[in-house]
């Protein structure tokens, strides 16, 4: 059974930084993509950053401030967030999409709260 566990969310002042991590365990077969999503108060879940075969992509709102990376040896995905703004306040979710035995699998973490105070 696959588990994704996000860590290191928290409360930070505007302009500050946080580094989220997502530790994955279990059999994931071939990983097609890894990414971070967020859902702010009263908003729909949106993609923040993702890595796939086509490269790395970021939401326009976080370009130049956020960096996604992965450590294959540790099965961990990171999201470095700099110059945080109050509008970055949200629950952040890790996502991994993999493929095996002819089907696609979509895994999600439980989410970690990020709150940015002004």
C-alpha atoms as a PDB file:
ATOM      1  CA  UNK A   1       0.000   0.000   0.000  1.00  0.00           C
ATOM      2  CA  UNK A   2       1.351   3.413  -0.987  1.00  0.00           C
ATOM      3  CA  UNK A   3       1.523   6.203   1.573  1.00  0.00           C
ATOM      4  CA  UNK A   4       2.502   9.835   1.063  1.00  0.00           C
ATOM      5  CA  UNK A   5       3.257  11.839   4.190  1.00  0.00           C
ATOM      6  CA  UNK A   6       3.716  15.606   3.952  1.00  0.00           C
ATOM      7  CA  UNK A   7       5.690  17.503   6.574  1.00  0.00           C
ATOM      8  CA  UNK A   8       6.964  20.944   7.590  1.00  0.00           C
ATOM      9  CA  UNK A   9       3.981  23.121   6.943  1.00  0.00           C
ATOM     10  CA  UNK A  10       3.358  25.834   9.519  1.00  0.00           C
ATOM     11  CA  UNK A  11       2.886  29.504  10.277  1.00  0.00           C
ATOM     12  CA  UNK A  12       5.251  32.022   8.731  1.00  0.00           C
ATOM     13  CA  UNK A  13       5.289  35.776   8.222  1.00  0.00           C
ATOM     14  CA  UNK A  14       4.993  37.273   4.772  1.00  0.00           C
ATOM     15  CA  UNK A  15       8.354  37.248   3.039  1.00  0.00           C
ATOM     16  CA  UNK A  16       9.467  34.148   4.883  1.00  0.00           C
ATOM     17  CA  UNK A  17      10.280  30.660   3.636  1.00  0.00           C
ATOM     18  CA  UNK A  18       9.185  27.098   4.219  1.00  0.00           C
ATOM     19  CA  UNK A  19      10.325  23.795   2.778  1.00  0.00           C
ATOM     20  CA  UNK A  20       7.677  21.116   2.512  1.00  0.00           C
ATOM     21  CA  UNK A  21       8.604  17.483   2.176  1.00  0.00           C
ATOM     22  CA  UNK A  22       6.610  14.472   1.006  1.00  0.00           C
ATOM     23  CA  UNK A  23       7.912  11.035   1.918  1.00  0.00           C
ATOM     24  CA  UNK A  24       6.559   8.176  -0.182  1.00  0.00           C
ATOM     25  CA  UNK A  25       6.503   4.528   0.807  1.00  0.00           C
ATOM     26  CA  UNK A  26       5.176   1.397  -0.860  1.00  0.00           C
ATOM     27  CA  UNK A  27       5.264   0.063  -4.392  1.00  0.00           C
ATOM     28  CA  UNK A  28       4.560   2.751  -6.973  1.00  0.00           C
ATOM     29  CA  UNK A  29       5.698   0.968 -10.164  1.00  0.00           C
ATOM     30  CA  UNK A  30       6.744   3.536 -12.795  1.00  0.00           C
ATOM     31  CA  UNK A  31       6.317   7.128 -11.656  1.00  0.00           C
ATOM     32  CA  UNK A  32       4.891   9.378 -14.347  1.00  0.00           C
ATOM     33  CA  UNK A  33       4.737  12.600 -12.384  1.00  0.00           C
ATOM     34  CA  UNK A  34       5.159  14.128  -8.948  1.00  0.00           C
ATOM     35  CA  UNK A  35       3.579  17.370  -7.881  1.00  0.00           C
ATOM     36  CA  UNK A  36       2.305  19.715  -5.232  1.00  0.00           C
ATOM     37  CA  UNK A  37      -1.245  21.063  -5.125  1.00  0.00           C
ATOM     38  CA  UNK A  38      -2.934  23.460  -2.748  1.00  0.00           C
ATOM     39  CA  UNK A  39      -6.426  24.359  -1.648  1.00  0.00           C
ATOM     40  CA  UNK A  40      -7.021  27.728  -0.058  1.00  0.00           C
ATOM     41  CA  UNK A  41     -10.065  28.701   2.019  1.00  0.00           C
ATOM     42  CA  UNK A  42     -13.145  28.652  -0.185  1.00  0.00           C
ATOM     43  CA  UNK A  43     -11.110  27.777  -3.261  1.00  0.00           C
ATOM     44  CA  UNK A  44     -10.714  24.759  -5.513  1.00  0.00           C
ATOM     45  CA  UNK A  45      -7.600  22.631  -5.382  1.00  0.00           C
ATOM     46  CA  UNK A  46      -4.985  23.897  -7.823  1.00  0.00           C
ATOM     47  CA  UNK A  47      -1.638  22.645  -9.051  1.00  0.00           C
ATOM     48  CA  UNK A  48       1.354  24.541  -7.696  1.00  0.00           C
ATOM     49  CA  UNK A  49       4.281  22.682  -9.254  1.00  0.00           C
ATOM     50  CA  UNK A  50       4.868  19.381 -11.003  1.00  0.00           C
ATOM     51  CA  UNK A  51       7.643  17.291 -12.523  1.00  0.00           C
ATOM     52  CA  UNK A  52       6.879  14.926 -15.402  1.00  0.00           C
ATOM     53  CA  UNK A  53       8.510  13.613 -18.548  1.00  0.00           C
ATOM     54  CA  UNK A  54       8.051  17.014 -20.170  1.00  0.00           C
ATOM     55  CA  UNK A  55       9.950  18.852 -17.480  1.00  0.00           C
ATOM     56  CA  UNK A  56       9.041  21.039 -14.535  1.00  0.00           C
ATOM     57  CA  UNK A  57       6.045  23.336 -14.484  1.00  0.00           C
ATOM     58  CA  UNK A  58       4.844  25.964 -12.037  1.00  0.00           C
ATOM     59  CA  UNK A  59       1.667  27.927 -11.539  1.00  0.00           C
ATOM     60  CA  UNK A  60       2.149  31.522 -12.666  1.00  0.00           C
ATOM     61  CA  UNK A  61       1.443  32.739  -9.148  1.00  0.00           C
ATOM     62  CA  UNK A  62       4.485  30.938  -7.711  1.00  0.00           C
ATOM     63  CA  UNK A  63       7.033  31.171 -10.533  1.00  0.00           C
ATOM     64  CA  UNK A  64      10.333  32.512  -9.307  1.00  0.00           C
ATOM     65  CA  UNK A  65       9.389  31.897  -5.672  1.00  0.00           C
ATOM     66  CA  UNK A  66       8.764  28.146  -5.382  1.00  0.00           C
ATOM     67  CA  UNK A  67      11.001  25.250  -6.419  1.00  0.00           C
ATOM     68  CA  UNK A  68       9.970  21.599  -6.660  1.00  0.00           C
ATOM     69  CA  UNK A  69      12.562  18.857  -6.438  1.00  0.00           C
ATOM     70  CA  UNK A  70      12.734  15.135  -5.813  1.00  0.00           C
ATOM     71  CA  UNK A  71      15.231  12.764  -4.251  1.00  0.00           C
ATOM     72  CA  UNK A  72      14.733   9.360  -5.844  1.00  0.00           C
ATOM     73  CA  UNK A  73      17.010   7.606  -3.387  1.00  0.00           C
ATOM     74  CA  UNK A  74      14.892   8.835  -0.467  1.00  0.00           C
ATOM     75  CA  UNK A  75      11.522   8.625  -2.306  1.00  0.00           C
ATOM     76  CA  UNK A  76      10.928  12.195  -1.217  1.00  0.00           C
ATOM     77  CA  UNK A  77       9.531  15.228  -3.019  1.00  0.00           C
ATOM     78  CA  UNK A  78      10.226  18.748  -1.787  1.00  0.00           C
ATOM     79  CA  UNK A  79       8.688  22.157  -2.285  1.00  0.00           C
ATOM     80  CA  UNK A  80      10.911  25.092  -1.373  1.00  0.00           C
ATOM     81  CA  UNK A  81       8.732  28.162  -0.889  1.00  0.00           C
ATOM     82  CA  UNK A  82      10.371  31.585  -0.663  1.00  0.00           C
ATOM     83  CA  UNK A  83       8.983  35.108  -0.476  1.00  0.00           C
ATOM     84  CA  UNK A  84       5.728  33.763   0.860  1.00  0.00           C
ATOM     85  CA  UNK A  85       2.592  35.870   0.581  1.00  0.00           C
ATOM     86  CA  UNK A  86      -0.670  35.751   2.554  1.00  0.00           C
ATOM     87  CA  UNK A  87      -2.401  34.450  -0.585  1.00  0.00           C
ATOM     88  CA  UNK A  88      -0.184  31.354  -0.409  1.00  0.00           C
ATOM     89  CA  UNK A  89      -2.128  30.297   2.679  1.00  0.00           C
ATOM     90  CA  UNK A  90      -3.619  26.881   1.930  1.00  0.00           C
ATOM     91  CA  UNK A  91      -3.480  23.185   2.642  1.00  0.00           C
ATOM     92  CA  UNK A  92      -0.706  21.764   0.475  1.00  0.00           C
ATOM     93  CA  UNK A  93      -1.001  18.236  -0.926  1.00  0.00           C
ATOM     94  CA  UNK A  94       1.603  15.977  -2.462  1.00  0.00           C
ATOM     95  CA  UNK A  95       0.604  13.932  -5.504  1.00  0.00           C
ATOM     96  CA  UNK A  96       2.290  11.051  -7.338  1.00  0.00           C
ATOM     97  CA  UNK A  97       0.932   9.490 -10.518  1.00  0.00           C
ATOM     98  CA  UNK A  98       2.342   6.123 -11.487  1.00  0.00           C
ATOM     99  CA  UNK A  99       1.629   3.388 -14.009  1.00  0.00           C
ATOM    100  CA  UNK A 100       1.775  -0.377 -13.663  1.00  0.00           C
ATOM    101  CA  UNK A 101      -0.056  -3.482 -14.932  1.00  0.00           C
ATOM    102  CA  UNK A 102      -1.727  -1.423 -17.644  1.00  0.00           C
ATOM    103  CA  UNK A 103      -3.360   1.129 -15.420  1.00  0.00           C
ATOM    104  CA  UNK A 104      -2.635   4.496 -13.843  1.00  0.00           C
ATOM    105  CA  UNK A 105      -2.495   5.110 -10.106  1.00  0.00           C
ATOM    106  CA  UNK A 106      -3.097   8.475  -8.427  1.00  0.00           C
ATOM    107  CA  UNK A 107      -1.735   8.861  -4.899  1.00  0.00           C
ATOM    108  CA  UNK A 108      -2.340  11.752  -2.489  1.00  0.00           C
ATOM    109  CA  UNK A 109      -0.997  12.750   0.866  1.00  0.00           C
ATOM    110  CA  UNK A 110      -3.131  13.946   3.747  1.00  0.00           C
ATOM    111  CA  UNK A 111      -2.100  17.573   3.321  1.00  0.00           C
ATOM    112  CA  UNK A 112      -0.150  20.034   5.426  1.00  0.00           C
ATOM    113  CA  UNK A 113      -1.355  23.489   6.429  1.00  0.00           C
ATOM    114  CA  UNK A 114       0.648  26.551   5.403  1.00  0.00           C
ATOM    115  CA  UNK A 115      -0.429  29.861   6.895  1.00  0.00           C
ATOM    116  CA  UNK A 116       1.242  33.123   5.887  1.00  0.00           C
ATOM    117  CA  UNK A 117       0.534  36.121   8.094  1.00  0.00           C
ATOM    118  CA  UNK A 118       0.735  39.681   6.817  1.00  0.00           C
END
